[in-house]
């Protein structure tokens, strides 16, 4: 370990395991997961390559934990979601859509770099917390609005949630597949209007 990094880890600093995890999560945020090697993580952390295996069973375990930390950091940086019955349904769905777009733009590229490493994705799935993810929160929100009478009583809220999630996927995945950094803006108001035309209450 270099003297500079040793100083970082002394005097109440992070443990070496946390330091390695934080370094890997930072690299994921900065450059994604494609081509992320033990050697690169170790060099950035200022430790010998073999040190990683004193704290993680293998590279897959480290990447899974680092990916989870990256996802949590992205989620923590997003705005709060609206409560059912507040504001208007249209405005609330635009907030949900904006949240979903930011979430996907923050995490999907990292997952895309791991398509050839199913062991990492399997380890990540095992680390997922018990709480609902954004897709579940969106569907729950729509069900609550339906129960409150602010949507049609027969509204297909699960299908509506999938439509909104699909827009988020398409906006990010299409850019990754095209191999370009340019992202087309999403007309959030138009998407929400199209969804509500299908599940909004009938005119009085």
C-alpha atoms as a PDB file:
ATOM      1  CA  UNK A   1       0.000   0.000   0.000  1.00  0.00           C
ATOM      2  CA  UNK A   2       1.309   3.438  -0.849  1.00  0.00           C
ATOM      3  CA  UNK A   3       2.031   5.879   2.014  1.00  0.00           C
ATOM      4  CA  UNK A   4      -0.635   8.250   0.693  1.00  0.00           C
ATOM      5  CA  UNK A   5      -3.346   5.625   0.815  1.00  0.00           C
ATOM      6  CA  UNK A   6      -2.134   4.287   4.149  1.00  0.00           C
ATOM      7  CA  UNK A   7      -2.667   7.747   5.606  1.00  0.00           C
ATOM      8  CA  UNK A   8      -6.190   7.784   4.229  1.00  0.00           C
ATOM      9  CA  UNK A   9      -6.982   4.542   5.994  1.00  0.00           C
ATOM     10  CA  UNK A  10      -5.570   5.629   9.369  1.00  0.00           C
ATOM     11  CA  UNK A  11      -7.053   7.878  12.029  1.00  0.00           C
ATOM     12  CA  UNK A  12     -10.665   6.779  11.792  1.00  0.00           C
ATOM     13  CA  UNK A  13     -10.786   6.576   8.022  1.00  0.00           C
ATOM     14  CA  UNK A  14     -12.580   3.827   6.096  1.00  0.00           C
ATOM     15  CA  UNK A  15     -11.566   0.207   6.483  1.00  0.00           C
ATOM     16  CA  UNK A  16      -9.518  -1.282   3.679  1.00  0.00           C
ATOM     17  CA  UNK A  17     -12.560  -3.245   2.529  1.00  0.00           C
ATOM     18  CA  UNK A  18     -14.664  -0.094   2.408  1.00  0.00           C
ATOM     19  CA  UNK A  19     -11.821   1.726   0.660  1.00  0.00           C
ATOM     20  CA  UNK A  20     -11.691  -0.938  -2.057  1.00  0.00           C
ATOM     21  CA  UNK A  21     -15.465  -0.905  -2.365  1.00  0.00           C
ATOM     22  CA  UNK A  22     -15.597   2.878  -2.584  1.00  0.00           C
ATOM     23  CA  UNK A  23     -12.851   2.925  -5.196  1.00  0.00           C
ATOM     24  CA  UNK A  24     -14.661   0.361  -7.349  1.00  0.00           C
ATOM     25  CA  UNK A  25     -17.975   2.230  -7.018  1.00  0.00           C
ATOM     26  CA  UNK A  26     -16.276   5.486  -8.039  1.00  0.00           C
ATOM     27  CA  UNK A  27     -14.752   3.852 -11.096  1.00  0.00           C
ATOM     28  CA  UNK A  28     -18.157   2.474 -12.072  1.00  0.00           C
ATOM     29  CA  UNK A  29     -19.672   5.959 -11.791  1.00  0.00           C
ATOM     30  CA  UNK A  30     -16.845   7.534 -13.801  1.00  0.00           C
ATOM     31  CA  UNK A  31     -16.220   4.988 -16.538  1.00  0.00           C
ATOM     32  CA  UNK A  32     -18.747   2.162 -16.241  1.00  0.00           C
ATOM     33  CA  UNK A  33     -18.060  -1.521 -15.710  1.00  0.00           C
ATOM     34  CA  UNK A  34     -16.757  -2.535 -19.144  1.00  0.00           C
ATOM     35  CA  UNK A  35     -13.102  -3.455 -18.866  1.00  0.00           C
ATOM     36  CA  UNK A  36     -12.986  -2.841 -15.125  1.00  0.00           C
ATOM     37  CA  UNK A  37     -10.198  -5.115 -13.872  1.00  0.00           C
ATOM     38  CA  UNK A  38      -8.757  -6.076 -10.519  1.00  0.00           C
ATOM     39  CA  UNK A  39      -5.507  -4.430 -11.526  1.00  0.00           C
ATOM     40  CA  UNK A  40      -7.222  -1.129 -12.300  1.00  0.00           C
ATOM     41  CA  UNK A  41      -9.206  -1.153  -9.049  1.00  0.00           C
ATOM     42  CA  UNK A  42      -6.100  -2.022  -7.052  1.00  0.00           C
ATOM     43  CA  UNK A  43      -4.020   0.675  -8.736  1.00  0.00           C
ATOM     44  CA  UNK A  44      -6.674   3.312  -8.107  1.00  0.00           C
ATOM     45  CA  UNK A  45      -6.982   2.152  -4.492  1.00  0.00           C
ATOM     46  CA  UNK A  46      -3.204   2.237  -4.036  1.00  0.00           C
ATOM     47  CA  UNK A  47      -2.883  -1.398  -2.976  1.00  0.00           C
ATOM     48  CA  UNK A  48      -1.321  -4.566  -4.389  1.00  0.00           C
ATOM     49  CA  UNK A  49      -3.521  -6.667  -6.652  1.00  0.00           C
ATOM     50  CA  UNK A  50      -3.702  -9.569  -4.206  1.00  0.00           C
ATOM     51  CA  UNK A  51      -5.035  -7.404  -1.346  1.00  0.00           C
ATOM     52  CA  UNK A  52      -8.498  -7.493  -2.888  1.00  0.00           C
ATOM     53  CA  UNK A  53      -8.763 -11.227  -2.210  1.00  0.00           C
ATOM     54  CA  UNK A  54      -8.180 -10.696   1.495  1.00  0.00           C
ATOM     55  CA  UNK A  55     -11.516  -8.881   1.706  1.00  0.00           C
ATOM     56  CA  UNK A  56     -13.642 -10.313  -1.117  1.00  0.00           C
ATOM     57  CA  UNK A  57     -14.015 -13.887  -2.307  1.00  0.00           C
ATOM     58  CA  UNK A  58     -13.355 -12.822  -5.893  1.00  0.00           C
ATOM     59  CA  UNK A  59     -13.668  -9.969  -8.354  1.00  0.00           C
ATOM     60  CA  UNK A  60     -17.353 -10.782  -8.900  1.00  0.00           C
ATOM     61  CA  UNK A  61     -18.194 -10.220  -5.254  1.00  0.00           C
ATOM     62  CA  UNK A  62     -16.410  -6.867  -5.217  1.00  0.00           C
ATOM     63  CA  UNK A  63     -18.107  -5.693  -8.414  1.00  0.00           C
ATOM     64  CA  UNK A  64     -21.534  -6.789  -7.179  1.00  0.00           C
ATOM     65  CA  UNK A  65     -21.127  -4.817  -3.939  1.00  0.00           C
ATOM     66  CA  UNK A  66     -19.685  -1.836  -5.815  1.00  0.00           C
ATOM     67  CA  UNK A  67     -22.557  -1.908  -8.297  1.00  0.00           C
ATOM     68  CA  UNK A  68     -25.035  -1.945  -5.417  1.00  0.00           C
ATOM     69  CA  UNK A  69     -23.260   1.032  -3.842  1.00  0.00           C
ATOM     70  CA  UNK A  70     -23.386   2.865  -7.179  1.00  0.00           C
ATOM     71  CA  UNK A  71     -27.127   2.231  -7.575  1.00  0.00           C
ATOM     72  CA  UNK A  72     -27.789   3.432  -4.027  1.00  0.00           C
ATOM     73  CA  UNK A  73     -25.743   6.587  -4.641  1.00  0.00           C
ATOM     74  CA  UNK A  74     -27.759   7.343  -7.777  1.00  0.00           C
ATOM     75  CA  UNK A  75     -31.037   6.729  -5.945  1.00  0.00           C
ATOM     76  CA  UNK A  76     -29.981   8.930  -3.012  1.00  0.00           C
ATOM     77  CA  UNK A  77     -29.300  11.791  -5.415  1.00  0.00           C
ATOM     78  CA  UNK A  78     -32.813  11.756  -6.896  1.00  0.00           C
ATOM     79  CA  UNK A  79     -35.778  13.846  -5.816  1.00  0.00           C
ATOM     80  CA  UNK A  80     -38.636  12.614  -3.668  1.00  0.00           C
ATOM     81  CA  UNK A  81     -41.623  10.984  -5.345  1.00  0.00           C
ATOM     82  CA  UNK A  82     -45.106  12.474  -4.874  1.00  0.00           C
ATOM     83  CA  UNK A  83     -47.709  11.026  -2.553  1.00  0.00           C
ATOM     84  CA  UNK A  84     -51.031   9.765  -3.968  1.00  0.00           C
ATOM     85  CA  UNK A  85     -53.835  12.301  -3.706  1.00  0.00           C
ATOM     86  CA  UNK A  86     -51.547  15.333  -3.799  1.00  0.00           C
ATOM     87  CA  UNK A  87     -51.175  17.733  -6.711  1.00  0.00           C
ATOM     88  CA  UNK A  88     -52.475  16.432 -10.032  1.00  0.00           C
ATOM     89  CA  UNK A  89     -52.024  12.964 -11.427  1.00  0.00           C
ATOM     90  CA  UNK A  90     -50.485  14.386 -14.609  1.00  0.00           C
ATOM     91  CA  UNK A  91     -47.899  16.427 -12.714  1.00  0.00           C
ATOM     92  CA  UNK A  92     -47.125  13.504 -10.420  1.00  0.00           C
ATOM     93  CA  UNK A  93     -46.590  11.150 -13.348  1.00  0.00           C
ATOM     94  CA  UNK A  94     -44.232  13.649 -14.960  1.00  0.00           C
ATOM     95  CA  UNK A  95     -42.278  13.635 -11.698  1.00  0.00           C
ATOM     96  CA  UNK A  96     -42.202   9.833 -11.738  1.00  0.00           C
ATOM     97  CA  UNK A  97     -41.090   9.832 -15.370  1.00  0.00           C
ATOM     98  CA  UNK A  98     -38.322  12.363 -14.718  1.00  0.00           C
ATOM     99  CA  UNK A  99     -37.197  10.233 -11.766  1.00  0.00           C
ATOM    100  CA  UNK A 100     -37.188   7.087 -13.872  1.00  0.00           C
ATOM    101  CA  UNK A 101     -35.218   8.711 -16.680  1.00  0.00           C
ATOM    102  CA  UNK A 102     -32.571  10.001 -14.270  1.00  0.00           C
ATOM    103  CA  UNK A 103     -32.382   6.605 -12.573  1.00  0.00           C
ATOM    104  CA  UNK A 104     -31.957   4.731 -15.846  1.00  0.00           C
ATOM    105  CA  UNK A 105     -29.386   7.183 -17.174  1.00  0.00           C
ATOM    106  CA  UNK A 106     -27.422   6.753 -13.968  1.00  0.00           C
ATOM    107  CA  UNK A 107     -27.412   2.962 -13.686  1.00  0.00           C
ATOM    108  CA  UNK A 108     -28.223   1.248 -17.001  1.00  0.00           C
ATOM    109  CA  UNK A 109     -24.801   1.936 -18.589  1.00  0.00           C
ATOM    110  CA  UNK A 110     -23.144   0.174 -15.645  1.00  0.00           C
ATOM    111  CA  UNK A 111     -25.341  -2.894 -16.100  1.00  0.00           C
ATOM    112  CA  UNK A 112     -24.776  -2.888 -19.854  1.00  0.00           C
ATOM    113  CA  UNK A 113     -21.064  -3.352 -19.279  1.00  0.00           C
ATOM    114  CA  UNK A 114     -21.758  -6.554 -17.349  1.00  0.00           C
ATOM    115  CA  UNK A 115     -23.842  -8.418 -19.924  1.00  0.00           C
ATOM    116  CA  UNK A 116     -20.933 -10.804 -20.425  1.00  0.00           C
ATOM    117  CA  UNK A 117     -20.478 -11.345 -16.677  1.00  0.00           C
ATOM    118  CA  UNK A 118     -23.655 -13.100 -15.456  1.00  0.00           C
ATOM    119  CA  UNK A 119     -21.944 -14.088 -12.208  1.00  0.00           C
ATOM    120  CA  UNK A 120     -21.681 -10.431 -11.197  1.00  0.00           C
ATOM    121  CA  UNK A 121     -25.332  -9.793 -12.042  1.00  0.00           C
ATOM    122  CA  UNK A 122     -26.389 -12.876 -10.075  1.00  0.00           C
ATOM    123  CA  UNK A 123     -24.390 -11.698  -7.055  1.00  0.00           C
ATOM    124  CA  UNK A 124     -25.944  -8.234  -7.394  1.00  0.00           C
ATOM    125  CA  UNK A 125     -29.447  -9.721  -7.433  1.00  0.00           C
ATOM    126  CA  UNK A 126     -28.686 -11.482  -4.157  1.00  0.00           C
ATOM    127  CA  UNK A 127     -27.733  -8.128  -2.590  1.00  0.00           C
ATOM    128  CA  UNK A 128     -30.953  -6.336  -3.493  1.00  0.00           C
ATOM    129  CA  UNK A 129     -32.690  -4.938  -0.433  1.00  0.00           C
ATOM    130  CA  UNK A 130     -36.215  -5.840   0.664  1.00  0.00           C
ATOM    131  CA  UNK A 131     -37.744  -2.486  -0.265  1.00  0.00           C
ATOM    132  CA  UNK A 132     -39.652  -1.855  -3.501  1.00  0.00           C
ATOM    133  CA  UNK A 133     -37.793  -0.490  -6.491  1.00  0.00           C
ATOM    134  CA  UNK A 134     -39.000   2.483  -8.538  1.00  0.00           C
ATOM    135  CA  UNK A 135     -41.119   0.333 -10.847  1.00  0.00           C
ATOM    136  CA  UNK A 136     -43.007  -1.061  -7.858  1.00  0.00           C
ATOM    137  CA  UNK A 137     -43.426   2.422  -6.381  1.00  0.00           C
ATOM    138  CA  UNK A 138     -44.853   3.693  -9.675  1.00  0.00           C
ATOM    139  CA  UNK A 139     -47.351   0.838  -9.901  1.00  0.00           C
ATOM    140  CA  UNK A 140     -48.315   1.304  -6.233  1.00  0.00           C
ATOM    141  CA  UNK A 141     -48.795   5.021  -6.834  1.00  0.00           C
ATOM    142  CA  UNK A 142     -51.137   4.373  -9.761  1.00  0.00           C
ATOM    143  CA  UNK A 143     -53.131   1.796  -7.788  1.00  0.00           C
ATOM    144  CA  UNK A 144     -53.537   4.265  -4.932  1.00  0.00           C
ATOM    145  CA  UNK A 145     -54.733   6.994  -7.305  1.00  0.00           C
ATOM    146  CA  UNK A 146     -57.218   4.538  -8.801  1.00  0.00           C
ATOM    147  CA  UNK A 147     -58.482   3.666  -5.318  1.00  0.00           C
ATOM    148  CA  UNK A 148     -58.876   7.383  -4.604  1.00  0.00           C
ATOM    149  CA  UNK A 149     -61.056   7.772  -7.716  1.00  0.00           C
ATOM    150  CA  UNK A 150     -58.561   9.984  -9.499  1.00  0.00           C
ATOM    151  CA  UNK A 151     -58.203   7.353 -12.239  1.00  0.00           C
ATOM    152  CA  UNK A 152     -60.829   5.223 -13.947  1.00  0.00           C
ATOM    153  CA  UNK A 153     -62.009   2.331 -11.741  1.00  0.00           C
ATOM    154  CA  UNK A 154     -60.992  -0.185 -14.417  1.00  0.00           C
ATOM    155  CA  UNK A 155     -57.669   1.513 -15.189  1.00  0.00           C
ATOM    156  CA  UNK A 156     -54.975  -0.964 -16.261  1.00  0.00           C
ATOM    157  CA  UNK A 157     -52.405   0.550 -13.949  1.00  0.00           C
ATOM    158  CA  UNK A 158     -49.877  -2.289 -14.294  1.00  0.00           C
ATOM    159  CA  UNK A 159     -49.826  -1.803 -18.068  1.00  0.00           C
ATOM    160  CA  UNK A 160     -49.543   1.965 -17.652  1.00  0.00           C
ATOM    161  CA  UNK A 161     -46.572   1.519 -15.320  1.00  0.00           C
ATOM    162  CA  UNK A 162     -44.874  -0.746 -17.864  1.00  0.00           C
ATOM    163  CA  UNK A 163     -45.403   1.876 -20.558  1.00  0.00           C
ATOM    164  CA  UNK A 164     -43.678   4.555 -18.487  1.00  0.00           C
ATOM    165  CA  UNK A 165     -40.837   2.223 -17.502  1.00  0.00           C
ATOM    166  CA  UNK A 166     -40.488   1.249 -21.164  1.00  0.00           C
ATOM    167  CA  UNK A 167     -39.998   4.874 -22.169  1.00  0.00           C
ATOM    168  CA  UNK A 168     -37.134   5.116 -19.657  1.00  0.00           C
ATOM    169  CA  UNK A 169     -35.526   1.949 -20.978  1.00  0.00           C
ATOM    170  CA  UNK A 170     -35.834   3.047 -24.589  1.00  0.00           C
ATOM    171  CA  UNK A 171     -34.416   6.489 -23.930  1.00  0.00           C
ATOM    172  CA  UNK A 172     -31.222   5.010 -22.458  1.00  0.00           C
ATOM    173  CA  UNK A 173     -30.796   1.624 -24.143  1.00  0.00           C
ATOM    174  CA  UNK A 174     -31.262   3.021 -27.655  1.00  0.00           C
ATOM    175  CA  UNK A 175     -28.370   5.410 -27.022  1.00  0.00           C
ATOM    176  CA  UNK A 176     -26.157   2.578 -25.754  1.00  0.00           C
ATOM    177  CA  UNK A 177     -26.965   0.399 -28.755  1.00  0.00           C
ATOM    178  CA  UNK A 178     -26.256   3.273 -31.133  1.00  0.00           C
ATOM    179  CA  UNK A 179     -22.850   3.784 -29.517  1.00  0.00           C
ATOM    180  CA  UNK A 180     -23.348   7.495 -29.052  1.00  0.00           C
ATOM    181  CA  UNK A 181     -23.394   9.817 -26.056  1.00  0.00           C
ATOM    182  CA  UNK A 182     -26.123  11.974 -27.590  1.00  0.00           C
ATOM    183  CA  UNK A 183     -29.483  11.533 -25.891  1.00  0.00           C
ATOM    184  CA  UNK A 184     -32.707  12.610 -27.502  1.00  0.00           C
ATOM    185  CA  UNK A 185     -34.898  14.580 -25.101  1.00  0.00           C
ATOM    186  CA  UNK A 186     -38.064  12.873 -23.910  1.00  0.00           C
ATOM    187  CA  UNK A 187     -41.284  14.870 -24.148  1.00  0.00           C
ATOM    188  CA  UNK A 188     -42.434  13.972 -20.655  1.00  0.00           C
ATOM    189  CA  UNK A 189     -45.731  15.848 -20.921  1.00  0.00           C
ATOM    190  CA  UNK A 190     -46.611  14.039 -24.156  1.00  0.00           C
ATOM    191  CA  UNK A 191     -45.810  10.638 -22.656  1.00  0.00           C
ATOM    192  CA  UNK A 192     -47.969  11.310 -19.611  1.00  0.00           C
ATOM    193  CA  UNK A 193     -50.813  12.666 -21.744  1.00  0.00           C
ATOM    194  CA  UNK A 194     -50.741   9.532 -23.899  1.00  0.00           C
ATOM    195  CA  UNK A 195     -50.863   7.299 -20.817  1.00  0.00           C
ATOM    196  CA  UNK A 196     -53.679   9.235 -19.186  1.00  0.00           C
ATOM    197  CA  UNK A 197     -55.817   9.144 -22.291  1.00  0.00           C
ATOM    198  CA  UNK A 198     -55.988   5.422 -21.718  1.00  0.00           C
ATOM    199  CA  UNK A 199     -56.562   5.350 -17.946  1.00  0.00           C
ATOM    200  CA  UNK A 200     -58.038   8.732 -17.100  1.00  0.00           C
ATOM    201  CA  UNK A 201     -61.601   8.946 -15.757  1.00  0.00           C
ATOM    202  CA  UNK A 202     -64.391   9.281 -18.291  1.00  0.00           C
ATOM    203  CA  UNK A 203     -65.818  12.808 -18.748  1.00  0.00           C
ATOM    204  CA  UNK A 204     -68.736  13.595 -16.480  1.00  0.00           C
END
